[in-house]
Amino acid sequence: MTTYTHLYTDEFGESHFEEVEIGLMLTDYVPPAPPLSLSAFWPASQVRFMNAPAGWASDWHPSSARNLFFVISGEWEVTASDGETRRFAVGSVLIVEDTTGKGHSSRVISEADSLAAMVQLDGV
């Protein structure tokens, strides 16, 4: 098992964080290499990279789509509309699904720019 952070909107339009476990199964993925632990595939439609300068900050906004967000460099601080704030450093994974409601605010808190990869997930 491994986990990721999920940012979602409840039925009242407030966004919240939760930790979600991903099931991994030992799989003979690329024989003759040793087996690897893999999750199930997730349907996705496109990927993009985003560079945000050090000090960049946003006001409250919903996500433009369901995105799987990977921090490659720099560090982010994200605040859900319920008031909880979390930090996401290099190697962090966040699924952003607060596409309705007040959304979240975010800012780059590292002294260096941040590079992130976003994978747009299919479905609702």
N, C-alpha and C. Protein backbone atom coordinates (compact mmCIF):
# COMPACT_ATOMS: atom_id res chain seq x y z
N MET A 1 0.84 -1.19 0.00
CA MET A 1 0.00 0.00 0.00
C MET A 1 0.88 1.25 0.00
N THR A 2 0.38 2.26 -0.65
CA THR A 2 0.98 3.59 -0.61
C THR A 2 -0.17 4.58 -0.55
N THR A 3 0.11 5.82 -0.25
CA THR A 3 -0.96 6.81 -0.13
C THR A 3 -0.70 8.04 -1.00
N TYR A 4 -1.76 8.78 -1.25
CA TYR A 4 -1.67 10.08 -1.88
C TYR A 4 -2.65 11.00 -1.15
N THR A 5 -2.49 12.30 -1.35
CA THR A 5 -3.40 13.28 -0.76
C THR A 5 -4.47 13.63 -1.78
N HIS A 6 -5.70 13.67 -1.32
CA HIS A 6 -6.85 13.94 -2.17
C HIS A 6 -7.49 15.25 -1.69
N LEU A 7 -7.69 16.21 -2.59
CA LEU A 7 -8.38 17.47 -2.30
C LEU A 7 -9.70 17.42 -3.04
N TYR A 8 -10.80 17.47 -2.29
CA TYR A 8 -12.13 17.29 -2.90
C TYR A 8 -13.12 18.30 -2.34
N THR A 9 -14.28 18.42 -2.99
CA THR A 9 -15.36 19.29 -2.56
C THR A 9 -16.49 18.46 -2.00
N ASP A 10 -17.00 18.86 -0.83
CA ASP A 10 -18.15 18.15 -0.25
C ASP A 10 -19.45 18.71 -0.82
N GLU A 11 -20.56 18.18 -0.36
CA GLU A 11 -21.87 18.58 -0.88
C GLU A 11 -22.24 20.02 -0.55
N PHE A 12 -21.50 20.67 0.36
CA PHE A 12 -21.77 22.06 0.73
C PHE A 12 -20.82 23.04 0.04
N GLY A 13 -19.96 22.54 -0.86
CA GLY A 13 -19.05 23.39 -1.62
C GLY A 13 -17.74 23.69 -0.91
N GLU A 14 -17.48 23.04 0.24
CA GLU A 14 -16.22 23.23 0.96
C GLU A 14 -15.21 22.19 0.49
N SER A 15 -13.96 22.60 0.37
CA SER A 15 -12.92 21.65 -0.02
C SER A 15 -12.21 21.13 1.22
N HIS A 16 -11.74 19.87 1.12
CA HIS A 16 -11.10 19.17 2.24
C HIS A 16 -9.97 18.30 1.70
N PHE A 17 -9.00 18.01 2.58
CA PHE A 17 -7.95 17.04 2.28
C PHE A 17 -8.29 15.71 2.93
N GLU A 18 -7.84 14.62 2.31
CA GLU A 18 -7.88 13.30 2.93
C GLU A 18 -6.74 12.48 2.35
N GLU A 19 -6.27 11.53 3.14
CA GLU A 19 -5.25 10.59 2.67
C GLU A 19 -5.97 9.35 2.14
N VAL A 20 -5.56 8.88 0.97
CA VAL A 20 -6.19 7.73 0.32
C VAL A 20 -5.12 6.69 0.05
N GLU A 21 -5.43 5.44 0.34
CA GLU A 21 -4.49 4.35 0.08
C GLU A 21 -4.67 3.83 -1.34
N ILE A 22 -3.56 3.48 -1.96
CA ILE A 22 -3.57 2.87 -3.28
C ILE A 22 -3.11 1.42 -3.10
N GLY A 23 -3.91 0.49 -3.56
CA GLY A 23 -3.51 -0.90 -3.49
C GLY A 23 -2.47 -1.22 -4.55
N LEU A 24 -1.44 -1.94 -4.15
CA LEU A 24 -0.39 -2.36 -5.06
C LEU A 24 -0.32 -3.88 -5.07
N MET A 25 -0.13 -4.46 -6.25
CA MET A 25 -0.05 -5.91 -6.38
C MET A 25 1.28 -6.28 -7.02
N LEU A 26 1.96 -7.24 -6.43
CA LEU A 26 3.21 -7.73 -6.99
C LEU A 26 2.92 -8.34 -8.35
N THR A 27 3.59 -7.83 -9.39
CA THR A 27 3.27 -8.18 -10.77
C THR A 27 4.54 -8.50 -11.54
N ASP A 28 4.48 -9.52 -12.35
CA ASP A 28 5.57 -9.87 -13.26
C ASP A 28 5.43 -8.94 -14.46
N TYR A 29 5.92 -7.73 -14.32
CA TYR A 29 5.65 -6.66 -15.27
C TYR A 29 6.55 -6.67 -16.50
N VAL A 30 7.85 -6.86 -16.32
CA VAL A 30 8.79 -6.84 -17.44
C VAL A 30 9.80 -7.97 -17.32
N PRO A 31 9.32 -9.22 -17.44
CA PRO A 31 10.25 -10.35 -17.33
C PRO A 31 11.38 -10.21 -18.35
N PRO A 32 12.56 -10.59 -18.03
CA PRO A 32 12.98 -11.37 -16.87
C PRO A 32 13.33 -10.54 -15.64
N ALA A 33 13.04 -9.23 -15.63
CA ALA A 33 13.30 -8.42 -14.44
C ALA A 33 12.45 -8.92 -13.29
N PRO A 34 12.88 -8.71 -12.06
CA PRO A 34 12.09 -9.13 -10.90
C PRO A 34 10.72 -8.44 -10.88
N PRO A 35 9.73 -9.06 -10.25
CA PRO A 35 8.39 -8.47 -10.16
C PRO A 35 8.42 -7.09 -9.49
N LEU A 36 7.44 -6.27 -9.82
CA LEU A 36 7.25 -4.93 -9.26
C LEU A 36 5.86 -4.84 -8.65
N SER A 37 5.69 -3.97 -7.68
CA SER A 37 4.36 -3.71 -7.11
C SER A 37 3.71 -2.60 -7.91
N LEU A 38 2.57 -2.90 -8.53
CA LEU A 38 1.87 -1.96 -9.40
C LEU A 38 0.44 -1.74 -8.94
N SER A 39 -0.06 -0.52 -9.18
CA SER A 39 -1.47 -0.23 -8.95
C SER A 39 -2.23 -0.54 -10.24
N ALA A 40 -3.54 -0.43 -10.17
CA ALA A 40 -4.37 -0.51 -11.38
C ALA A 40 -4.14 0.77 -12.19
N PHE A 41 -4.41 0.72 -13.49
CA PHE A 41 -4.33 1.91 -14.33
C PHE A 41 -5.46 2.87 -13.97
N TRP A 42 -5.21 4.16 -14.13
CA TRP A 42 -6.23 5.19 -13.99
C TRP A 42 -6.39 5.84 -15.36
N PRO A 43 -7.61 5.96 -15.86
CA PRO A 43 -7.81 6.61 -17.16
C PRO A 43 -7.43 8.09 -17.10
N ALA A 44 -6.65 8.54 -18.07
CA ALA A 44 -6.22 9.93 -18.14
C ALA A 44 -6.27 10.38 -19.60
N SER A 45 -6.44 11.69 -19.80
CA SER A 45 -6.58 12.19 -21.17
C SER A 45 -5.40 13.00 -21.66
N GLN A 46 -4.70 13.70 -20.77
CA GLN A 46 -3.59 14.52 -21.22
C GLN A 46 -2.69 14.87 -20.05
N VAL A 47 -1.49 15.33 -20.38
CA VAL A 47 -0.51 15.71 -19.36
C VAL A 47 0.11 17.04 -19.75
N ARG A 48 0.47 17.82 -18.75
CA ARG A 48 1.16 19.08 -19.01
C ARG A 48 2.12 19.36 -17.86
N PHE A 49 3.09 20.21 -18.12
CA PHE A 49 4.02 20.67 -17.10
C PHE A 49 3.69 22.12 -16.78
N MET A 50 3.94 22.51 -15.54
CA MET A 50 3.64 23.86 -15.10
C MET A 50 4.84 24.39 -14.32
N ASN A 51 5.32 25.56 -14.70
CA ASN A 51 6.38 26.23 -13.96
C ASN A 51 5.77 27.44 -13.26
N ALA A 52 5.94 27.51 -11.95
CA ALA A 52 5.44 28.66 -11.19
C ALA A 52 6.63 29.31 -10.49
N PRO A 53 6.77 30.62 -10.62
CA PRO A 53 7.92 31.29 -10.02
C PRO A 53 7.84 31.30 -8.49
N ALA A 54 8.99 31.38 -7.85
CA ALA A 54 9.05 31.50 -6.40
C ALA A 54 8.19 32.69 -5.98
N GLY A 55 7.38 32.49 -4.94
CA GLY A 55 6.52 33.55 -4.45
C GLY A 55 5.17 33.65 -5.13
N TRP A 56 4.95 32.87 -6.21
CA TRP A 56 3.65 32.90 -6.89
C TRP A 56 2.55 32.51 -5.91
N ALA A 57 1.41 33.19 -5.97
CA ALA A 57 0.29 32.88 -5.08
C ALA A 57 -1.03 33.12 -5.80
N SER A 58 -2.03 32.35 -5.43
CA SER A 58 -3.36 32.51 -6.03
C SER A 58 -4.37 32.87 -4.96
N ASP A 59 -5.46 33.45 -5.39
CA ASP A 59 -6.62 33.63 -4.54
C ASP A 59 -7.42 32.33 -4.60
N TRP A 60 -8.57 32.29 -3.96
CA TRP A 60 -9.42 31.09 -3.97
C TRP A 60 -9.87 30.77 -5.39
N HIS A 61 -9.80 29.50 -5.76
CA HIS A 61 -10.24 29.08 -7.10
C HIS A 61 -10.50 27.58 -7.09
N PRO A 62 -11.52 27.12 -7.84
CA PRO A 62 -11.69 25.67 -8.03
C PRO A 62 -10.69 25.19 -9.07
N SER A 63 -10.41 23.91 -9.05
CA SER A 63 -9.52 23.33 -10.04
C SER A 63 -10.21 23.33 -11.40
N SER A 64 -9.43 23.51 -12.45
CA SER A 64 -9.98 23.54 -13.82
C SER A 64 -10.42 22.16 -14.29
N ALA A 65 -9.90 21.10 -13.66
CA ALA A 65 -10.21 19.72 -14.03
C ALA A 65 -9.74 18.81 -12.90
N ARG A 66 -10.07 17.54 -13.00
CA ARG A 66 -9.52 16.54 -12.07
C ARG A 66 -8.08 16.30 -12.46
N ASN A 67 -7.15 16.72 -11.62
CA ASN A 67 -5.73 16.63 -11.95
C ASN A 67 -4.94 15.85 -10.92
N LEU A 68 -4.07 15.03 -11.42
CA LEU A 68 -3.06 14.37 -10.60
C LEU A 68 -1.84 15.26 -10.68
N PHE A 69 -1.40 15.82 -9.54
CA PHE A 69 -0.38 16.87 -9.48
C PHE A 69 0.88 16.31 -8.83
N PHE A 70 2.00 16.32 -9.55
CA PHE A 70 3.28 15.81 -9.07
C PHE A 70 4.26 16.99 -8.92
N VAL A 71 4.80 17.20 -7.74
CA VAL A 71 5.78 18.27 -7.54
C VAL A 71 7.16 17.73 -7.92
N ILE A 72 7.78 18.34 -8.93
CA ILE A 72 9.09 17.93 -9.42
C ILE A 72 10.20 18.75 -8.79
N SER A 73 9.96 20.06 -8.62
CA SER A 73 10.92 20.92 -7.93
C SER A 73 10.15 22.01 -7.19
N GLY A 74 10.78 22.58 -6.18
CA GLY A 74 10.13 23.61 -5.39
C GLY A 74 9.19 23.01 -4.35
N GLU A 75 8.44 23.88 -3.70
CA GLU A 75 7.49 23.44 -2.67
C GLU A 75 6.25 24.32 -2.71
N TRP A 76 5.09 23.69 -2.53
CA TRP A 76 3.79 24.36 -2.57
C TRP A 76 3.15 24.32 -1.19
N GLU A 77 2.30 25.32 -0.95
CA GLU A 77 1.41 25.32 0.19
C GLU A 77 0.00 25.48 -0.36
N VAL A 78 -0.89 24.57 0.00
CA VAL A 78 -2.26 24.58 -0.50
C VAL A 78 -3.20 24.64 0.69
N THR A 79 -4.20 25.52 0.62
CA THR A 79 -5.18 25.66 1.69
C THR A 79 -6.56 25.30 1.15
N ALA A 80 -7.19 24.33 1.79
CA ALA A 80 -8.57 23.96 1.45
C ALA A 80 -9.51 25.00 2.04
N SER A 81 -10.72 25.09 1.51
CA SER A 81 -11.65 26.11 2.00
C SER A 81 -12.11 25.85 3.43
N ASP A 82 -11.88 24.63 3.95
CA ASP A 82 -12.21 24.37 5.36
C ASP A 82 -11.15 24.92 6.30
N GLY A 83 -10.08 25.53 5.74
CA GLY A 83 -9.05 26.16 6.53
C GLY A 83 -7.78 25.34 6.71
N GLU A 84 -7.82 24.05 6.38
CA GLU A 84 -6.62 23.22 6.53
C GLU A 84 -5.59 23.57 5.46
N THR A 85 -4.34 23.69 5.88
CA THR A 85 -3.23 23.99 4.97
C THR A 85 -2.24 22.85 5.01
N ARG A 86 -1.78 22.43 3.83
CA ARG A 86 -0.76 21.39 3.73
C ARG A 86 0.34 21.84 2.79
N ARG A 87 1.53 21.27 3.02
CA ARG A 87 2.68 21.55 2.17
C ARG A 87 2.98 20.35 1.29
N PHE A 88 3.41 20.64 0.07
CA PHE A 88 3.73 19.59 -0.90
C PHE A 88 5.11 19.87 -1.47
N ALA A 89 6.08 19.06 -1.04
CA ALA A 89 7.47 19.21 -1.45
C ALA A 89 7.77 18.29 -2.64
N VAL A 90 9.01 18.32 -3.10
CA VAL A 90 9.45 17.47 -4.20
C VAL A 90 9.06 16.02 -3.91
N GLY A 91 8.45 15.38 -4.90
CA GLY A 91 8.02 13.99 -4.77
C GLY A 91 6.59 13.84 -4.28
N SER A 92 5.93 14.92 -3.89
CA SER A 92 4.55 14.84 -3.40
C SER A 92 3.59 14.58 -4.55
N VAL A 93 2.51 13.88 -4.22
CA VAL A 93 1.44 13.59 -5.18
C VAL A 93 0.13 14.07 -4.57
N LEU A 94 -0.61 14.86 -5.32
CA LEU A 94 -1.90 15.39 -4.88
C LEU A 94 -2.90 15.19 -6.00
N ILE A 95 -4.05 14.64 -5.66
CA ILE A 95 -5.15 14.58 -6.63
C ILE A 95 -6.08 15.73 -6.29
N VAL A 96 -6.24 16.64 -7.25
CA VAL A 96 -7.05 17.84 -7.05
C VAL A 96 -8.37 17.63 -7.78
N GLU A 97 -9.45 17.53 -7.00
CA GLU A 97 -10.78 17.30 -7.58
C GLU A 97 -11.81 18.30 -7.08
N ASP A 98 -11.37 19.42 -6.53
CA ASP A 98 -12.33 20.43 -6.07
C ASP A 98 -12.70 21.35 -7.23
N THR A 99 -13.41 20.79 -8.20
CA THR A 99 -13.76 21.49 -9.43
C THR A 99 -15.01 22.36 -9.27
N THR A 100 -15.65 22.31 -8.11
CA THR A 100 -16.82 23.15 -7.82
C THR A 100 -16.61 23.78 -6.45
N GLY A 101 -17.50 24.68 -6.08
CA GLY A 101 -17.42 25.31 -4.77
C GLY A 101 -16.36 26.39 -4.71
N LYS A 102 -15.95 26.75 -3.49
CA LYS A 102 -14.97 27.82 -3.27
C LYS A 102 -13.60 27.44 -3.79
N GLY A 103 -13.26 26.16 -3.74
CA GLY A 103 -11.96 25.71 -4.23
C GLY A 103 -10.89 25.79 -3.17
N HIS A 104 -9.70 26.20 -3.57
CA HIS A 104 -8.54 26.24 -2.69
C HIS A 104 -7.67 27.43 -3.08
N SER A 105 -6.73 27.76 -2.23
CA SER A 105 -5.70 28.74 -2.59
C SER A 105 -4.37 28.00 -2.57
N SER A 106 -3.42 28.50 -3.33
CA SER A 106 -2.12 27.84 -3.38
C SER A 106 -1.02 28.86 -3.60
N ARG A 107 0.18 28.48 -3.15
CA ARG A 107 1.31 29.37 -3.37
C ARG A 107 2.60 28.57 -3.34
N VAL A 108 3.60 29.09 -4.06
CA VAL A 108 4.93 28.49 -4.06
C VAL A 108 5.68 29.08 -2.88
N ILE A 109 6.08 28.21 -1.93
CA ILE A 109 6.74 28.70 -0.73
C ILE A 109 8.25 28.48 -0.76
N SER A 110 8.75 27.82 -1.78
CA SER A 110 10.19 27.62 -1.90
C SER A 110 10.84 28.89 -2.42
N GLU A 111 12.14 29.01 -2.18
CA GLU A 111 12.89 30.16 -2.68
C GLU A 111 13.18 30.03 -4.17
N ALA A 112 13.02 28.83 -4.70
CA ALA A 112 13.23 28.57 -6.13
C ALA A 112 11.89 28.36 -6.80
N ASP A 113 11.87 28.51 -8.12
CA ASP A 113 10.66 28.22 -8.90
C ASP A 113 10.24 26.78 -8.68
N SER A 114 8.98 26.49 -9.00
CA SER A 114 8.48 25.12 -8.87
C SER A 114 8.06 24.59 -10.24
N LEU A 115 8.51 23.39 -10.53
CA LEU A 115 8.05 22.67 -11.72
C LEU A 115 7.17 21.54 -11.25
N ALA A 116 6.01 21.41 -11.88
CA ALA A 116 5.06 20.35 -11.54
C ALA A 116 4.56 19.70 -12.82
N ALA A 117 4.14 18.46 -12.71
CA ALA A 117 3.48 17.77 -13.82
C ALA A 117 2.03 17.55 -13.41
N MET A 118 1.11 17.80 -14.34
CA MET A 118 -0.30 17.58 -14.09
C MET A 118 -0.84 16.61 -15.12
N VAL A 119 -1.47 15.56 -14.63
CA VAL A 119 -2.12 14.58 -15.49
C VAL A 119 -3.61 14.76 -15.32
N GLN A 120 -4.30 15.10 -16.41
CA GLN A 120 -5.75 15.29 -16.33
C GLN A 120 -6.43 13.94 -16.36
N LEU A 121 -7.19 13.66 -15.30
CA LEU A 121 -7.87 12.37 -15.16
C LEU A 121 -9.20 12.40 -15.88
N ASP A 122 -9.58 11.30 -16.47
CA ASP A 122 -10.87 11.16 -17.13
C ASP A 122 -11.96 10.92 -16.10
N GLY A 123 -13.20 11.15 -16.49
CA GLY A 123 -14.32 10.82 -15.64
C GLY A 123 -14.64 11.92 -14.65
N VAL A 124 -15.68 11.63 -13.87
CA VAL A 124 -16.17 12.59 -12.89
C VAL A 124 -15.60 12.30 -11.54
